[in-house]
Amino acid sequence: MADETRKVAFICSKGDLDMAYPALVMGWAALGNGIDVTIFFTFWGMDMITKSRQSRLELAPVANTSMKMKMMGFPTGNFGIPNILGIIPGMTAFTTWFMRKKIAAVGAPPVGEYLQMLVDGGAQLYACKMSVDMMGLKKEDFVDGVIDIVTASDFMDMTEGAQIIFI
C-alpha cells in the first residue's frame, strides 16, 4: 500500500491580529512535517491577505474575555481586562502595539512575512469567492501568493481527504 501524503486545510474567518497566527503557526509546523497545507480565507480572515489591510490587523480588548492582565505584562492578577476599559480612546491601538511586541519577542514574524514563508514552503492560499464578491474585492487586491479566488465547493473538492481546521 502506497503512503499517501497527509493534508491539512485551514479556514481563516477572522481578521484580528490574535486570530491570524493560529493557522500560520500550525501551517508552518505542518509543512515542516511534510504535510500539504491549504489555507482558505473567508469573511474577515481575508484581511490577512488583502494588501490594504494586512499590516493593519488589530487586537480589540472589548469582549475579549481571554485577555488576561498578567498576559498583557501587568505584574499581578490573572483577571481579564474589564470591557469598560476597551472604550477608552487608544485602547485598541495600545493592545495591538503590545501584542505585536509580544509576538516579536518570541521571534514570530509579522503576518505578511509568515504568509510568504508558507507560500515559499509550498502552502496554497485561496480567497473565498462569496466573501470577495460581498466585499467588492478583486484578485489584484490580494498579496502575492494567493493562487485564486474559489467557491466553498471548489475548496471542498481541492481538500478532499484533508483534515480541515476552522479558525
C-alpha atoms as a PDB file:
ATOM      1  CA  MET A   1       0.000   0.000   0.000  1.00  0.00           C
ATOM      2  CA  ALA A   2       1.454   3.360  -1.059  1.00  0.00           C
ATOM      3  CA  ASP A   3       1.868   6.041   1.557  1.00  0.00           C
ATOM      4  CA  GLU A   4      -0.413   8.973   0.878  1.00  0.00           C
ATOM      5  CA  THR A   5       0.767  12.481   1.781  1.00  0.00           C
ATOM      6  CA  ARG A   6      -1.140  13.914   4.719  1.00  0.00           C
ATOM      7  CA  LYS A   7      -3.125  17.073   4.018  1.00  0.00           C
ATOM      8  CA  VAL A   8      -4.417  19.817   6.263  1.00  0.00           C
ATOM      9  CA  ALA A   9      -6.630  22.737   5.302  1.00  0.00           C
ATOM     10  CA  PHE A  10      -7.237  25.826   7.400  1.00  0.00           C
ATOM     11  CA  ILE A  11     -10.258  28.072   7.039  1.00  0.00           C
ATOM     12  CA  CYS A  12      -9.349  31.550   8.292  1.00  0.00           C
ATOM     13  CA  SER A  13     -12.512  33.514   9.051  1.00  0.00           C
ATOM     14  CA  LYS A  14     -11.253  36.186  11.438  1.00  0.00           C
ATOM     15  CA  GLY A  15      -9.058  39.192  10.767  1.00  0.00           C
ATOM     16  CA  ASP A  16      -7.969  40.079  14.296  1.00  0.00           C
ATOM     17  CA  LEU A  17      -4.238  40.041  14.980  1.00  0.00           C
ATOM     18  CA  ASP A  18      -4.521  37.255  17.545  1.00  0.00           C
ATOM     19  CA  MET A  19      -6.652  35.122  15.204  1.00  0.00           C
ATOM     20  CA  ALA A  20      -4.178  35.414  12.314  1.00  0.00           C
ATOM     21  CA  TYR A  21      -1.425  33.426  13.997  1.00  0.00           C
ATOM     22  CA  PRO A  22      -3.014  30.023  14.755  1.00  0.00           C
ATOM     23  CA  ALA A  23      -3.215  28.990  11.075  1.00  0.00           C
ATOM     24  CA  LEU A  24       0.208  30.478  10.344  1.00  0.00           C
ATOM     25  CA  VAL A  25       1.923  28.654  13.193  1.00  0.00           C
ATOM     26  CA  MET A  26       0.139  25.344  12.614  1.00  0.00           C
ATOM     27  CA  GLY A  27       0.566  25.615   8.835  1.00  0.00           C
ATOM     28  CA  TRP A  28       4.309  26.167   9.217  1.00  0.00           C
ATOM     29  CA  ALA A  29       4.558  23.212  11.614  1.00  0.00           C
ATOM     30  CA  ALA A  30       2.610  21.046   9.160  1.00  0.00           C
ATOM     31  CA  LEU A  31       4.894  21.974   6.255  1.00  0.00           C
ATOM     32  CA  GLY A  32       7.873  21.118   8.432  1.00  0.00           C
ATOM     33  CA  ASN A  33       6.369  17.678   8.955  1.00  0.00           C
ATOM     34  CA  GLY A  34       5.839  17.094   5.238  1.00  0.00           C
ATOM     35  CA  ILE A  35       2.102  17.730   5.350  1.00  0.00           C
ATOM     36  CA  ASP A  36       0.402  19.508   2.416  1.00  0.00           C
ATOM     37  CA  VAL A  37      -1.115  22.816   3.545  1.00  0.00           C
ATOM     38  CA  THR A  38      -4.034  24.727   2.023  1.00  0.00           C
ATOM     39  CA  ILE A  39      -5.426  27.917   3.562  1.00  0.00           C
ATOM     40  CA  PHE A  40      -8.840  29.332   2.627  1.00  0.00           C
ATOM     41  CA  PHE A  41      -9.528  32.926   3.666  1.00  0.00           C
ATOM     42  CA  THR A  42     -13.158  33.950   4.121  1.00  0.00           C
ATOM     43  CA  PHE A  43     -15.061  36.892   5.613  1.00  0.00           C
ATOM     44  CA  TRP A  44     -12.761  38.985   7.843  1.00  0.00           C
ATOM     45  CA  GLY A  45      -9.983  36.409   7.546  1.00  0.00           C
ATOM     46  CA  MET A  46      -9.360  37.918   4.105  1.00  0.00           C
ATOM     47  CA  ASP A  47      -7.821  40.919   5.909  1.00  0.00           C
ATOM     48  CA  MET A  48      -4.752  38.687   6.314  1.00  0.00           C
ATOM     49  CA  ILE A  49      -4.258  38.552   2.539  1.00  0.00           C
ATOM     50  CA  THR A  50      -5.646  41.944   1.484  1.00  0.00           C
ATOM     51  CA  LYS A  51      -2.807  44.346   0.648  1.00  0.00           C
ATOM     52  CA  SER A  52      -4.530  47.371   2.188  1.00  0.00           C
ATOM     53  CA  ARG A  53      -5.397  45.564   5.442  1.00  0.00           C
ATOM     54  CA  GLN A  54      -2.617  43.057   6.127  1.00  0.00           C
ATOM     55  CA  SER A  55      -0.319  45.431   8.026  1.00  0.00           C
ATOM     56  CA  ARG A  56      -3.285  46.925   9.911  1.00  0.00           C
ATOM     57  CA  LEU A  57      -4.614  43.874  11.747  1.00  0.00           C
ATOM     58  CA  GLU A  58      -5.675  44.884  15.250  1.00  0.00           C
ATOM     59  CA  LEU A  59      -6.464  43.364  18.612  1.00  0.00           C
ATOM     60  CA  ALA A  60      -9.516  44.924  20.247  1.00  0.00           C
ATOM     61  CA  PRO A  61      -9.821  44.429  24.009  1.00  0.00           C
ATOM     62  CA  VAL A  62     -13.627  44.776  24.038  1.00  0.00           C
ATOM     63  CA  ALA A  63     -15.378  41.425  24.572  1.00  0.00           C
ATOM     64  CA  ASN A  64     -12.060  39.575  24.588  1.00  0.00           C
ATOM     65  CA  THR A  65     -12.647  37.704  27.831  1.00  0.00           C
ATOM     66  CA  SER A  66      -9.450  35.705  27.482  1.00  0.00           C
ATOM     67  CA  MET A  67      -7.211  38.779  27.522  1.00  0.00           C
ATOM     68  CA  LYS A  68      -5.579  38.446  30.934  1.00  0.00           C
ATOM     69  CA  MET A  69      -3.866  41.333  32.698  1.00  0.00           C
ATOM     70  CA  LYS A  70      -0.865  39.115  33.516  1.00  0.00           C
ATOM     71  CA  MET A  71      -0.514  38.090  29.859  1.00  0.00           C
ATOM     72  CA  MET A  72      -0.556  41.735  28.891  1.00  0.00           C
ATOM     73  CA  GLY A  73       2.502  42.342  31.090  1.00  0.00           C
ATOM     74  CA  PHE A  74       0.967  43.646  34.291  1.00  0.00           C
ATOM     75  CA  PRO A  75       2.732  42.178  37.328  1.00  0.00           C
ATOM     76  CA  THR A  76      -0.270  40.860  39.256  1.00  0.00           C
ATOM     77  CA  GLY A  77      -3.642  39.364  38.655  1.00  0.00           C
ATOM     78  CA  ASN A  78      -4.991  36.759  36.320  1.00  0.00           C
ATOM     79  CA  PHE A  79      -8.244  38.520  35.570  1.00  0.00           C
ATOM     80  CA  GLY A  80      -9.454  39.856  32.252  1.00  0.00           C
ATOM     81  CA  ILE A  81      -9.193  43.445  31.152  1.00  0.00           C
ATOM     82  CA  PRO A  82     -12.592  44.912  32.003  1.00  0.00           C
ATOM     83  CA  ASN A  83     -14.640  45.634  28.888  1.00  0.00           C
ATOM     84  CA  ILE A  84     -15.213  49.194  30.049  1.00  0.00           C
ATOM     85  CA  LEU A  85     -11.500  49.924  29.519  1.00  0.00           C
ATOM     86  CA  GLY A  86     -11.879  48.940  25.874  1.00  0.00           C
ATOM     87  CA  ILE A  87     -13.946  52.031  25.162  1.00  0.00           C
ATOM     88  CA  ILE A  88     -11.150  54.357  26.221  1.00  0.00           C
ATOM     89  CA  PRO A  89      -9.713  56.047  23.125  1.00  0.00           C
ATOM     90  CA  GLY A  90      -6.467  54.392  22.113  1.00  0.00           C
ATOM     91  CA  MET A  91      -7.042  51.051  23.872  1.00  0.00           C
ATOM     92  CA  THR A  92      -7.252  49.080  20.610  1.00  0.00           C
ATOM     93  CA  ALA A  93      -4.055  50.759  19.406  1.00  0.00           C
ATOM     94  CA  PHE A  94      -2.386  50.003  22.741  1.00  0.00           C
ATOM     95  CA  THR A  95      -3.395  46.336  22.855  1.00  0.00           C
ATOM     96  CA  THR A  96      -2.404  45.924  19.194  1.00  0.00           C
ATOM     97  CA  TRP A  97       1.007  47.502  19.808  1.00  0.00           C
ATOM     98  CA  PHE A  98       1.507  45.367  22.895  1.00  0.00           C
ATOM     99  CA  MET A  99       0.523  42.138  21.116  1.00  0.00           C
ATOM    100  CA  ARG A 100       2.870  42.939  18.208  1.00  0.00           C
ATOM    101  CA  LYS A 101       5.641  43.459  20.771  1.00  0.00           C
ATOM    102  CA  LYS A 102       4.876  40.092  22.436  1.00  0.00           C
ATOM    103  CA  ILE A 103       4.768  38.322  19.043  1.00  0.00           C
ATOM    104  CA  ALA A 104       8.129  39.819  18.032  1.00  0.00           C
ATOM    105  CA  ALA A 105       9.638  38.885  21.411  1.00  0.00           C
ATOM    106  CA  VAL A 106       9.065  35.181  20.731  1.00  0.00           C
ATOM    107  CA  GLY A 107      10.630  35.507  17.280  1.00  0.00           C
ATOM    108  CA  ALA A 108       7.450  35.129  15.245  1.00  0.00           C
ATOM    109  CA  PRO A 109       7.487  37.130  12.019  1.00  0.00           C
ATOM    110  CA  PRO A 110       4.778  39.627  11.056  1.00  0.00           C
ATOM    111  CA  VAL A 111       1.729  38.206   9.250  1.00  0.00           C
ATOM    112  CA  GLY A 112       2.903  39.164   5.751  1.00  0.00           C
ATOM    113  CA  GLU A 113       6.323  37.621   6.221  1.00  0.00           C
ATOM    114  CA  TYR A 114       4.799  34.489   7.753  1.00  0.00           C
ATOM    115  CA  LEU A 115       2.448  34.072   4.786  1.00  0.00           C
ATOM    116  CA  GLN A 116       5.367  34.459   2.373  1.00  0.00           C
ATOM    117  CA  MET A 117       7.287  31.785   4.277  1.00  0.00           C
ATOM    118  CA  LEU A 118       4.285  29.479   3.963  1.00  0.00           C
ATOM    119  CA  VAL A 119       3.969  30.135   0.219  1.00  0.00           C
ATOM    120  CA  ASP A 120       7.712  29.607  -0.255  1.00  0.00           C
ATOM    121  CA  GLY A 121       7.343  26.338   1.659  1.00  0.00           C
ATOM    122  CA  GLY A 122       4.577  25.119  -0.647  1.00  0.00           C
ATOM    123  CA  ALA A 123       1.356  26.158   1.104  1.00  0.00           C
ATOM    124  CA  GLN A 124      -1.549  27.028  -1.179  1.00  0.00           C
ATOM    125  CA  LEU A 125      -3.575  30.167  -0.399  1.00  0.00           C
ATOM    126  CA  TYR A 126      -7.109  30.820  -1.686  1.00  0.00           C
ATOM    127  CA  ALA A 127      -9.699  33.557  -1.191  1.00  0.00           C
ATOM    128  CA  CYS A 128     -13.423  32.806  -0.808  1.00  0.00           C
ATOM    129  CA  LYS A 129     -15.443  33.889  -3.840  1.00  0.00           C
ATOM    130  CA  MET A 130     -18.587  34.749  -1.896  1.00  0.00           C
ATOM    131  CA  SER A 131     -16.643  36.948   0.544  1.00  0.00           C
ATOM    132  CA  VAL A 132     -14.678  38.562  -2.289  1.00  0.00           C
ATOM    133  CA  ASP A 133     -17.921  39.378  -4.106  1.00  0.00           C
ATOM    134  CA  MET A 134     -19.595  40.693  -0.935  1.00  0.00           C
ATOM    135  CA  MET A 135     -16.676  42.991  -0.178  1.00  0.00           C
ATOM    136  CA  GLY A 136     -16.153  44.160  -3.751  1.00  0.00           C
ATOM    137  CA  LEU A 137     -12.579  42.870  -3.949  1.00  0.00           C
ATOM    138  CA  LYS A 138     -10.556  41.550  -6.891  1.00  0.00           C
ATOM    139  CA  LYS A 139      -7.536  39.250  -7.153  1.00  0.00           C
ATOM    140  CA  GLU A 140      -5.323  42.350  -7.552  1.00  0.00           C
ATOM    141  CA  ASP A 141      -6.316  43.389  -4.011  1.00  0.00           C
ATOM    142  CA  PHE A 142      -4.554  40.367  -2.554  1.00  0.00           C
ATOM    143  CA  VAL A 143      -0.903  39.822  -1.691  1.00  0.00           C
ATOM    144  CA  ASP A 144       1.320  37.735  -3.933  1.00  0.00           C
ATOM    145  CA  GLY A 145       0.942  34.059  -3.179  1.00  0.00           C
ATOM    146  CA  VAL A 146      -2.855  33.934  -3.271  1.00  0.00           C
ATOM    147  CA  ILE A 147      -3.397  31.406  -6.039  1.00  0.00           C
ATOM    148  CA  ASP A 148      -7.023  32.096  -6.873  1.00  0.00           C
ATOM    149  CA  ILE A 149     -10.490  33.078  -5.750  1.00  0.00           C
ATOM    150  CA  VAL A 150     -12.571  29.912  -5.331  1.00  0.00           C
ATOM    151  CA  THR A 151     -16.018  28.874  -4.154  1.00  0.00           C
ATOM    152  CA  ALA A 152     -16.552  26.923  -0.967  1.00  0.00           C
ATOM    153  CA  SER A 153     -17.479  23.949  -3.135  1.00  0.00           C
ATOM    154  CA  ASP A 154     -14.186  24.253  -5.049  1.00  0.00           C
ATOM    155  CA  PHE A 155     -12.326  24.386  -1.733  1.00  0.00           C
ATOM    156  CA  MET A 156     -14.050  21.200  -0.564  1.00  0.00           C
ATOM    157  CA  ASP A 157     -13.090  19.443  -3.799  1.00  0.00           C
ATOM    158  CA  MET A 158      -9.478  20.659  -3.554  1.00  0.00           C
ATOM    159  CA  THR A 159      -9.094  19.482   0.014  1.00  0.00           C
ATOM    160  CA  GLU A 160     -10.727  16.079  -0.255  1.00  0.00           C
ATOM    161  CA  GLY A 161      -9.182  13.819   2.342  1.00  0.00           C
ATOM    162  CA  ALA A 162      -7.597  16.718   4.250  1.00  0.00           C
ATOM    163  CA  GLN A 163      -8.043  17.444   7.901  1.00  0.00           C
ATOM    164  CA  ILE A 164      -9.995  20.733   7.951  1.00  0.00           C
ATOM    165  CA  ILE A 165      -9.434  23.209  10.773  1.00  0.00           C
ATOM    166  CA  PHE A 166     -11.753  26.217  11.132  1.00  0.00           C
ATOM    167  CA  ILE A 167     -10.281  29.289  12.786  1.00  0.00           C
END
